[in-house]
Protein backbone atom coordinates (compact mmCIF):
# COMPACT_ATOMS: atom_id res chain seq x y z
CA UNK A 1 3.19 -19.38 -32.99
CA UNK A 2 3.88 -21.74 -30.07
CA UNK A 3 4.85 -24.70 -32.28
CA UNK A 4 6.30 -23.08 -35.39
CA UNK A 5 10.14 -22.86 -35.26
CA UNK A 6 11.25 -19.24 -35.41
CA UNK A 7 13.54 -19.89 -38.38
CA UNK A 8 10.51 -21.01 -40.41
CA UNK A 9 8.49 -17.88 -39.74
CA UNK A 10 8.71 -15.96 -42.99
CA UNK A 11 8.31 -12.21 -42.54
CA UNK A 12 8.26 -12.50 -38.77
CA UNK A 13 10.66 -10.76 -36.38
CA UNK A 14 11.42 -11.65 -32.77
CA UNK A 15 12.64 -9.13 -30.19
CA UNK A 16 13.14 -9.47 -26.42
CA UNK A 17 15.48 -6.55 -25.68
CA UNK A 18 13.00 -3.69 -25.19
CA UNK A 19 13.55 -1.95 -21.86
CA UNK A 20 11.15 -2.65 -18.98
CA UNK A 21 10.90 -0.25 -16.06
CA UNK A 22 9.91 -2.06 -12.85
CA UNK A 23 9.96 -1.43 -9.13
CA UNK A 24 8.25 -2.64 -5.96
CA UNK A 25 5.72 -0.52 -4.09
CA UNK A 26 3.83 -1.04 -0.86
CA UNK A 27 0.16 -1.90 -1.11
CA UNK A 28 -2.15 0.44 0.76
CA UNK A 29 -4.87 -2.02 1.74
CA UNK A 30 -7.13 -4.68 0.29
CA UNK A 31 -10.87 -5.21 0.73
CA UNK A 32 -11.33 -8.21 3.04
CA UNK A 33 -14.96 -8.28 4.11
CA UNK A 34 -17.05 -11.41 3.53
CA UNK A 35 -14.29 -13.19 1.60
CA UNK A 36 -14.42 -16.91 0.84
CA UNK A 37 -12.10 -17.65 3.76
CA UNK A 38 -10.25 -15.82 6.52
CA UNK A 39 -6.67 -15.84 7.78
CA UNK A 40 -5.28 -15.87 11.29
CA UNK A 41 -1.66 -16.42 12.25
CA UNK A 42 1.85 -15.03 12.39
CA UNK A 43 4.73 -15.61 10.01
CA UNK A 44 8.38 -14.52 9.93
CA UNK A 45 9.69 -14.48 6.37
CA UNK A 46 13.47 -14.20 5.71
CA UNK A 47 12.76 -11.59 3.02
CA UNK A 48 9.55 -9.81 4.07
CA UNK A 49 9.93 -10.08 7.84
CA UNK A 50 7.05 -10.36 10.31
CA UNK A 51 3.40 -10.46 9.25
CA UNK A 52 0.38 -11.08 11.49
CA UNK A 53 -3.24 -11.65 10.53
CA UNK A 54 -6.46 -11.56 12.52
CA UNK A 55 -10.18 -11.66 11.82
CA UNK A 56 -13.20 -9.78 13.15
CA UNK A 57 -16.45 -11.67 12.97
CA UNK A 58 -20.03 -11.62 14.20
CA UNK A 59 -21.97 -14.64 15.43
CA UNK A 60 -25.72 -15.14 15.22
CA UNK A 61 -28.45 -16.85 17.18
CA UNK A 62 -29.81 -20.13 15.84
CA UNK A 63 -33.25 -19.48 17.38
CA UNK A 64 -35.26 -16.46 18.48
CA UNK A 65 -36.38 -15.67 22.03
CA UNK A 66 -33.58 -17.66 23.63
CA UNK A 67 -34.20 -18.70 27.23
CA UNK A 68 -31.77 -20.97 29.03
CA UNK A 69 -34.29 -22.02 31.68
CA UNK A 70 -34.36 -21.65 35.46
CA UNK A 71 -31.09 -20.88 37.23
CA UNK A 72 -28.84 -21.46 34.20
CA UNK A 73 -25.09 -21.84 34.69
CA UNK A 74 -22.42 -21.81 31.96
CA UNK A 75 -20.26 -24.93 32.21
CA UNK A 76 -17.95 -24.15 29.27
CA UNK A 77 -17.86 -22.34 25.94
CA UNK A 78 -15.84 -23.35 22.88
CA UNK A 79 -14.77 -21.49 19.74
CA UNK A 80 -14.52 -23.74 16.67
CA UNK A 81 -13.02 -22.65 13.35
CA UNK A 82 -12.86 -25.04 10.40
CA UNK A 83 -9.55 -25.26 8.55
CA UNK A 84 -9.33 -24.66 4.82
CA UNK A 85 -5.57 -24.93 4.45
CA UNK A 86 -2.43 -23.14 5.61
CA UNK A 87 0.73 -21.33 4.51
CA UNK A 88 3.94 -21.75 6.45
CA UNK A 89 5.31 -24.16 9.03
CA UNK A 90 2.57 -26.14 10.79
CA UNK A 91 4.96 -27.25 13.55
CA UNK A 92 4.83 -23.68 14.87
CA UNK A 93 3.47 -23.15 18.38
CA UNK A 94 0.92 -20.33 18.21
CA UNK A 95 -0.81 -18.39 20.97
CA UNK A 96 -4.48 -17.73 20.24
CA UNK A 97 -6.04 -14.46 21.40
CA UNK A 98 -9.79 -13.79 21.43
CA UNK A 99 -11.32 -10.45 22.38
CA UNK A 100 -14.91 -9.29 22.43
CA UNK A 101 -15.59 -6.46 19.96
CA UNK A 102 -17.00 -3.17 21.29
CA UNK A 103 -17.73 -1.38 17.98
CA UNK A 104 -20.72 -1.96 15.75
CA UNK A 105 -19.98 -3.23 12.26
CA UNK A 106 -22.32 -4.22 9.48
CA UNK A 107 -22.72 -6.80 6.75
CA UNK A 108 -23.42 -4.23 4.04
CA UNK A 109 -20.37 -2.06 4.85
CA UNK A 110 -16.97 -2.36 3.18
CA UNK A 111 -13.97 -3.19 5.35
CA UNK A 112 -10.28 -3.24 4.47
CA UNK A 113 -7.19 -4.96 5.77
CA UNK A 114 -6.06 -1.88 7.70
CA UNK A 115 -9.39 -1.28 9.47
CA UNK A 116 -9.48 -1.72 13.25
CA UNK A 117 -12.41 -2.19 15.63
CA UNK A 118 -12.42 -1.55 19.35
CA UNK A 119 -12.29 -4.52 21.74
CA UNK A 120 -12.48 -5.19 25.45
CA UNK A 121 -9.09 -5.80 27.10
CA UNK A 122 -10.04 -9.17 28.60
CA UNK A 123 -8.39 -11.93 26.55
CA UNK A 124 -10.90 -14.78 26.39
CA UNK A 125 -8.32 -17.32 25.16
CA UNK A 126 -4.54 -16.75 25.51
CA UNK A 127 -4.05 -20.43 24.67
CA UNK A 128 -0.98 -22.09 23.13
CA UNK A 129 -1.51 -24.66 20.39
CA UNK A 130 0.12 -26.37 17.40
CA UNK A 131 -2.31 -26.56 14.45
CA UNK A 132 -3.19 -30.05 13.22
CA UNK A 133 -4.67 -30.52 9.76
CA UNK A 134 -4.75 -34.32 9.79
CA UNK A 135 -6.08 -35.35 13.18
CA UNK A 136 -9.82 -35.49 13.73
CA UNK A 137 -11.34 -33.81 16.78
CA UNK A 138 -13.67 -35.64 19.16
CA UNK A 139 -16.69 -33.48 19.95
CA UNK A 140 -19.55 -34.70 22.12
CA UNK A 141 -18.33 -38.28 21.69
CA UNK A 142 -18.08 -38.19 17.88
CA UNK A 143 -15.12 -37.60 15.57
CA UNK A 144 -15.21 -34.37 13.59
CA UNK A 145 -13.03 -32.96 10.81
CA UNK A 146 -9.74 -31.21 11.74
CA UNK A 147 -10.43 -27.76 13.13
CA UNK A 148 -9.23 -25.13 15.55
CA UNK A 149 -11.32 -25.75 18.67
CA UNK A 150 -10.47 -23.84 21.83
CA UNK A 151 -12.20 -23.41 25.18
CA UNK A 152 -12.79 -19.75 26.02
CA UNK A 153 -13.25 -18.16 29.41
CA UNK A 154 -16.63 -18.77 31.00
CA UNK A 155 -17.13 -15.03 31.35
CA UNK A 156 -18.25 -14.97 27.72
CA UNK A 157 -20.79 -17.69 28.38
CA UNK A 158 -21.95 -15.83 31.47
CA UNK A 159 -22.67 -12.80 29.26
CA UNK A 160 -25.14 -14.93 27.31
CA UNK A 161 -26.58 -16.51 30.46
CA UNK A 162 -27.20 -13.05 31.94
CA UNK A 163 -29.32 -12.15 28.90
CA UNK A 164 -31.45 -15.30 29.09
CA UNK A 165 -35.09 -14.60 28.29
CA UNK A 166 -34.45 -10.87 27.71
CA UNK A 167 -34.93 -8.75 24.60
CA UNK A 168 -31.17 -9.02 23.95
CA UNK A 169 -31.73 -12.61 22.83
CA UNK A 170 -35.12 -12.02 21.21
CA UNK A 171 -33.71 -11.93 17.66
CA UNK A 172 -30.48 -11.33 15.79
CA UNK A 173 -31.06 -7.60 15.41
CA UNK A 174 -31.04 -7.19 19.18
CA UNK A 175 -28.36 -9.83 19.72
CA UNK A 176 -25.85 -8.07 17.44
CA UNK A 177 -26.29 -4.93 19.51
CA UNK A 178 -25.72 -6.88 22.71
CA UNK A 179 -22.83 -9.04 21.45
CA UNK A 180 -20.98 -7.44 18.54
CA UNK A 181 -18.62 -10.35 17.85
CA UNK A 182 -15.05 -11.53 18.39
CA UNK A 183 -11.60 -10.47 17.24
CA UNK A 184 -9.44 -13.58 16.76
CA UNK A 185 -5.67 -13.34 16.33
CA UNK A 186 -2.37 -14.85 17.45
CA UNK A 187 0.73 -13.48 19.14
CA UNK A 188 3.66 -12.55 16.92
CA UNK A 189 6.12 -15.39 16.44
CA UNK A 190 9.88 -14.82 16.44
CA UNK A 191 10.78 -17.48 13.88
CA UNK A 192 9.05 -19.42 11.10
CA UNK A 193 5.30 -19.28 11.80
CA UNK A 194 2.14 -20.18 9.92
CA UNK A 195 -0.97 -18.56 8.48
CA UNK A 196 -4.15 -20.57 9.03
CA UNK A 197 -6.81 -20.40 6.33
CA UNK A 198 -10.20 -20.55 8.03
CA UNK A 199 -13.40 -21.74 6.35
CA UNK A 200 -15.75 -19.29 8.03
CA UNK A 201 -18.83 -20.60 6.22
CA UNK A 202 -18.35 -24.20 7.33
CA UNK A 203 -20.94 -25.58 9.73
CA UNK A 204 -17.97 -26.39 12.00
CA UNK A 205 -17.20 -22.67 12.50
CA UNK A 206 -19.25 -21.56 15.52
CA UNK A 207 -19.46 -20.82 19.24
CA UNK A 208 -20.85 -23.61 21.40
CA UNK A 209 -21.94 -23.01 24.99
CA UNK A 210 -22.51 -25.92 27.35
CA UNK A 211 -24.74 -25.14 30.33
CA UNK A 212 -27.08 -26.62 32.85
CA UNK A 213 -30.21 -25.30 34.50
CA UNK A 214 -32.50 -26.52 37.27
CA UNK A 215 -33.72 -29.46 35.22
CA UNK A 216 -31.23 -30.41 32.47
CA UNK A 217 -27.74 -30.23 30.93
CA UNK A 218 -27.80 -28.63 27.48
CA UNK A 219 -25.82 -26.75 24.83
CA UNK A 220 -26.52 -23.78 22.58
CA UNK A 221 -24.78 -22.90 19.28
CA UNK A 222 -24.05 -19.40 18.01
CA UNK A 223 -23.37 -19.75 14.29
CA UNK A 224 -20.89 -18.07 11.97
CA UNK A 225 -22.52 -17.92 8.53
CA UNK A 226 -22.93 -15.83 5.39
CA UNK A 227 -25.14 -13.35 7.27
CA UNK A 228 -22.32 -12.50 9.68
CA UNK A 229 -20.21 -9.43 8.99
CA UNK A 230 -16.53 -10.39 9.07
CA UNK A 231 -13.22 -9.15 7.73
CA UNK A 232 -9.50 -9.72 7.95
CA UNK A 233 -6.81 -7.38 9.20
CA UNK A 234 -3.16 -7.70 8.13
CA UNK A 235 -0.13 -6.11 9.77
CA UNK A 236 3.37 -6.14 8.26
CA UNK A 237 4.77 -4.19 11.22
CA UNK A 238 6.22 -1.51 8.92
CA UNK A 239 8.59 -4.16 7.54
CA UNK A 240 10.95 -3.44 10.42
CA UNK A 241 12.43 -6.95 10.21
CA UNK A 242 12.44 -7.29 6.41
CA UNK A 243 15.47 -7.83 4.16
CA UNK A 244 17.52 -4.63 3.79
CA UNK A 245 17.42 -4.67 -0.04
CA UNK A 246 13.63 -4.93 0.08
CA UNK A 247 13.37 -2.06 2.56
CA UNK A 248 15.64 0.15 0.48
CA UNK A 249 13.67 -0.46 -2.73
CA UNK A 250 10.22 0.30 -1.31
CA UNK A 251 11.55 3.23 0.69
CA UNK A 252 13.32 5.18 -2.01
CA UNK A 253 15.56 3.37 -4.52
CA UNK A 254 13.35 2.18 -7.38
CA UNK A 255 16.43 1.31 -9.47
CA UNK A 256 16.92 -1.75 -7.26
CA UNK A 257 13.93 -3.19 -9.11
CA UNK A 258 16.27 -3.81 -12.03
CA UNK A 259 17.66 -6.77 -10.07
CA UNK A 260 14.95 -8.12 -7.77
CA UNK A 261 11.25 -7.42 -7.30
CA UNK A 262 8.96 -8.39 -4.45
CA UNK A 263 5.35 -9.58 -4.47
CA UNK A 264 3.42 -10.30 -1.28
CA UNK A 265 -0.23 -11.09 -0.65
CA UNK A 266 -2.22 -9.84 2.37
CA UNK A 267 -1.98 -6.23 1.21
CA UNK A 268 1.81 -6.45 1.16
CA UNK A 269 3.54 -5.34 -2.02
CA UNK A 270 2.95 -5.05 -5.74
CA UNK A 271 5.13 -4.26 -8.75
CA UNK A 272 4.72 -1.34 -11.14
CA UNK A 273 5.72 -2.00 -14.76
CA UNK A 274 6.21 0.21 -17.81
CA UNK A 275 7.40 -0.49 -21.34
CA UNK A 276 8.92 2.84 -22.45
CA UNK A 277 10.50 1.55 -25.69
CA UNK A 278 7.56 -0.38 -27.15
CA UNK A 279 6.08 2.62 -28.96
CA UNK A 280 9.40 2.98 -30.84
CA UNK A 281 8.34 -0.05 -32.92
CA UNK A 282 6.09 2.36 -34.82
CA UNK A 283 9.27 3.84 -36.32
CA UNK A 284 9.49 0.67 -38.39
CA UNK A 285 6.16 1.39 -40.05
CA UNK A 286 2.95 -0.61 -39.65
CA UNK A 287 3.47 -3.38 -37.13
CA UNK A 288 1.20 -6.38 -36.49
CA UNK A 289 1.85 -8.03 -33.13
CA UNK A 290 1.73 -11.82 -33.50
CA UNK A 291 2.52 -12.37 -29.86
CA UNK A 292 3.77 -10.31 -26.91
CA UNK A 293 4.60 -12.41 -23.85
CA UNK A 294 5.81 -11.05 -20.52
CA UNK A 295 8.13 -13.62 -18.91
CA UNK A 296 8.67 -13.42 -15.14
CA UNK A 297 11.23 -15.65 -13.41
CA UNK A 298 11.07 -16.46 -9.69
CA UNK A 299 14.33 -16.35 -7.74
CA UNK A 300 14.81 -20.07 -6.94
CA UNK A 301 16.89 -19.30 -3.85
CA UNK A 302 13.75 -17.88 -2.17
CA UNK A 303 11.56 -20.93 -2.78
CA UNK A 304 11.21 -23.95 -0.51
CA UNK A 305 8.54 -26.46 0.52
CA UNK A 306 7.11 -24.01 3.05
CA UNK A 307 7.36 -20.60 1.37
CA UNK A 308 5.93 -21.49 -2.04
CA UNK A 309 5.18 -18.82 -4.67
CA UNK A 310 1.58 -17.84 -5.46
CA UNK A 311 -0.22 -20.20 -7.81
CA UNK A 312 -1.31 -17.19 -9.87
CA UNK A 313 -0.35 -13.58 -10.43
CA UNK A 314 -2.58 -10.88 -11.90
CA UNK A 315 -1.80 -7.95 -14.20
CA UNK A 316 -3.93 -4.81 -14.25
CA UNK A 317 -3.79 -1.52 -16.13
CA UNK A 318 -2.79 1.31 -13.79
CA UNK A 319 -4.94 4.26 -14.87
CA UNK A 320 -3.87 7.86 -14.28
CA UNK A 321 -6.70 8.33 -11.77
CA UNK A 322 -5.15 5.48 -9.69
CA UNK A 323 -7.93 3.02 -10.53
CA UNK A 324 -7.16 -0.39 -12.01
CA UNK A 325 -8.76 -2.02 -15.03
CA UNK A 326 -8.47 -5.30 -16.91
CA UNK A 327 -6.13 -5.79 -19.83
CA UNK A 328 -7.99 -6.50 -23.09
CA UNK A 329 -6.22 -9.88 -23.31
CA UNK A 330 -8.09 -11.21 -20.26
CA UNK A 331 -11.26 -11.86 -22.27
CA UNK A 332 -9.52 -14.60 -24.26
CA UNK A 333 -9.32 -16.87 -21.22
CA UNK A 334 -6.71 -18.21 -18.83
CA UNK A 335 -5.07 -20.59 -21.34
CA UNK A 336 -4.35 -17.69 -23.68
CA UNK A 337 -3.67 -15.01 -21.07
CA UNK A 338 -1.53 -17.00 -18.62
CA UNK A 339 -0.41 -15.88 -15.17
CA UNK A 340 -0.16 -19.37 -13.66
CA UNK A 341 2.99 -20.44 -11.85
CA UNK A 342 5.06 -23.10 -13.61
CA UNK A 343 7.01 -24.90 -10.88
CA UNK A 344 9.17 -26.72 -13.43
CA UNK A 345 10.51 -23.57 -15.07
CA UNK A 346 10.02 -21.36 -11.99
CA UNK A 347 8.20 -18.72 -13.98
CA UNK A 348 4.99 -16.91 -14.86
CA UNK A 349 4.03 -15.90 -18.41
CA UNK A 350 1.43 -13.37 -19.54
CA UNK A 351 0.23 -12.99 -23.11
CA UNK A 352 -0.41 -9.24 -23.49
CA UNK A 353 -0.48 -9.08 -27.29
CA UNK A 354 -3.73 -7.13 -27.55
CA UNK A 355 -2.55 -4.59 -24.96
CA UNK A 356 0.69 -3.98 -26.88
CA UNK A 357 -1.06 -3.87 -30.27
CA UNK A 358 -3.60 -1.30 -29.02
CA UNK A 359 -0.77 0.92 -27.74
CA UNK A 360 0.96 0.84 -31.12
CA UNK A 361 -2.28 1.69 -32.94
CA UNK A 362 -2.94 4.65 -30.62
CA UNK A 363 0.69 5.77 -30.53
CA UNK A 364 0.74 5.64 -26.71
CA UNK A 365 -0.36 3.42 -23.86
CA UNK A 366 -2.71 6.02 -22.41
CA UNK A 367 -2.13 4.75 -18.90
CA UNK A 368 0.45 4.76 -16.12
CA UNK A 369 1.75 1.27 -16.85
CA UNK A 370 0.76 -2.07 -15.39
CA UNK A 371 0.41 -3.37 -11.85
CA UNK A 372 1.54 -6.91 -11.01
CA UNK A 373 -0.06 -8.40 -7.90
CA UNK A 374 -0.68 -11.73 -6.18
CA UNK A 375 -4.03 -13.09 -7.31
CA UNK A 376 -6.29 -13.62 -4.30
CA UNK A 377 -4.30 -11.26 -2.11
CA UNK A 378 -7.15 -10.93 0.39
CA UNK A 379 -7.37 -14.66 1.15
CA UNK A 380 -3.83 -15.97 0.59
CA UNK A 381 -0.47 -15.46 2.30
CA UNK A 382 1.90 -16.42 -0.54
CA UNK A 383 4.77 -14.27 -1.72
CA UNK A 384 7.40 -14.32 -4.46
CA UNK A 385 10.77 -12.74 -5.15
CA UNK A 386 11.19 -12.32 -8.90
CA UNK A 387 14.06 -11.33 -11.15
CA UNK A 388 14.02 -7.72 -12.31
CA UNK A 389 14.55 -6.69 -15.97
CA UNK A 390 18.34 -6.39 -15.64
CA UNK A 391 19.02 -9.43 -13.50
CA UNK A 392 21.99 -11.37 -14.81
CA UNK A 393 20.14 -14.69 -14.71
CA UNK A 394 17.21 -14.49 -17.16
CA UNK A 395 15.62 -11.28 -15.93
CA UNK A 396 12.05 -10.19 -16.64
CA UNK A 397 11.59 -9.64 -20.39
CA UNK A 398 8.94 -8.99 -23.00
CA UNK A 399 9.12 -11.44 -25.91
CA UNK A 400 7.55 -9.83 -28.98
CA UNK A 401 6.96 -11.56 -32.30
CA UNK A 402 5.75 -9.14 -34.93
CA UNK A 403 5.18 -8.78 -38.64
CA UNK A 404 6.07 -5.62 -40.49
CA UNK A 405 3.22 -4.79 -42.88
CA UNK A 406 4.33 -3.21 -46.14
């Protein structure tokens, strides 16, 4: 069907005018614990306004029964976080904040982007920096891969020194009761901004304390690894600085979705879709769906080299009990199903033929429509403004090729 000219398709009908109902809704939260990477940063988007991201994480001992020797003194302590990538403007000057966590949290618990843990008020960092993803970092005389490496206040190192040789440093069970972890975030920026993607499972991500005792100068590493509980928190600040059309649509006026729709990762926004006229095809008799393709165009005026659209979107069935489930078309693979951003045509395409055919066979969809979201919303910061179904410039449409069976 992709190569055959439409005029040569005997007995085949093409239609792209069926009504689509679509509007933007706010996301409640997204599960962010133990994800493949974490996000910290602050970003001001001309459409979505201000967003900030921070991470809570534990650290663990590298050895049991830690003893720093006679008369130990903390010389310095450094937080290192390996970079994965970024989203936004890397020339932005950020202010890093680091606070010690006061609440217990656990590896086997679920945590979401709107969860908050208690922290002490003492800011262990409050350091300005411009992220660098190209320059290596010299550590202990050797060059290391680009990373966020900041010296923290010695009071944190003193906390560890004070526990030297005690049961608090006997093993990780006791240590996680004594030191529950760190909350790492940045101050809100007023323009531009950047979200830093952190590789939490890299060997570069750690706390390193340099100290001396009565006989030697040494260092000790507290690791951040897969056994550490960690999660991200995202704050869109109630979209107080967002575009007025966006605010109006998510607040009350769903009809504005006919023109523009808004998708944002980090538990931002999603789009609800319905196809109220599709079932009317049954009035024609028995219909075999050859192909049903949802075409979604990105507004090119909202795309630049910094604020790039998501590489993938996802579609899910919105069940009446508010759970989500996969479309039947997903099992045929990404090449068939689609959802990948085409930067040449500025669009996404989804093949939902099986979903449409099943609805026609049953005489109803049996669900509350579809949900369109950014794929990887818990670990990415991308967003997209897309044309609604009635936009004057190639709005969202459902291309259906069908055969009427006599």
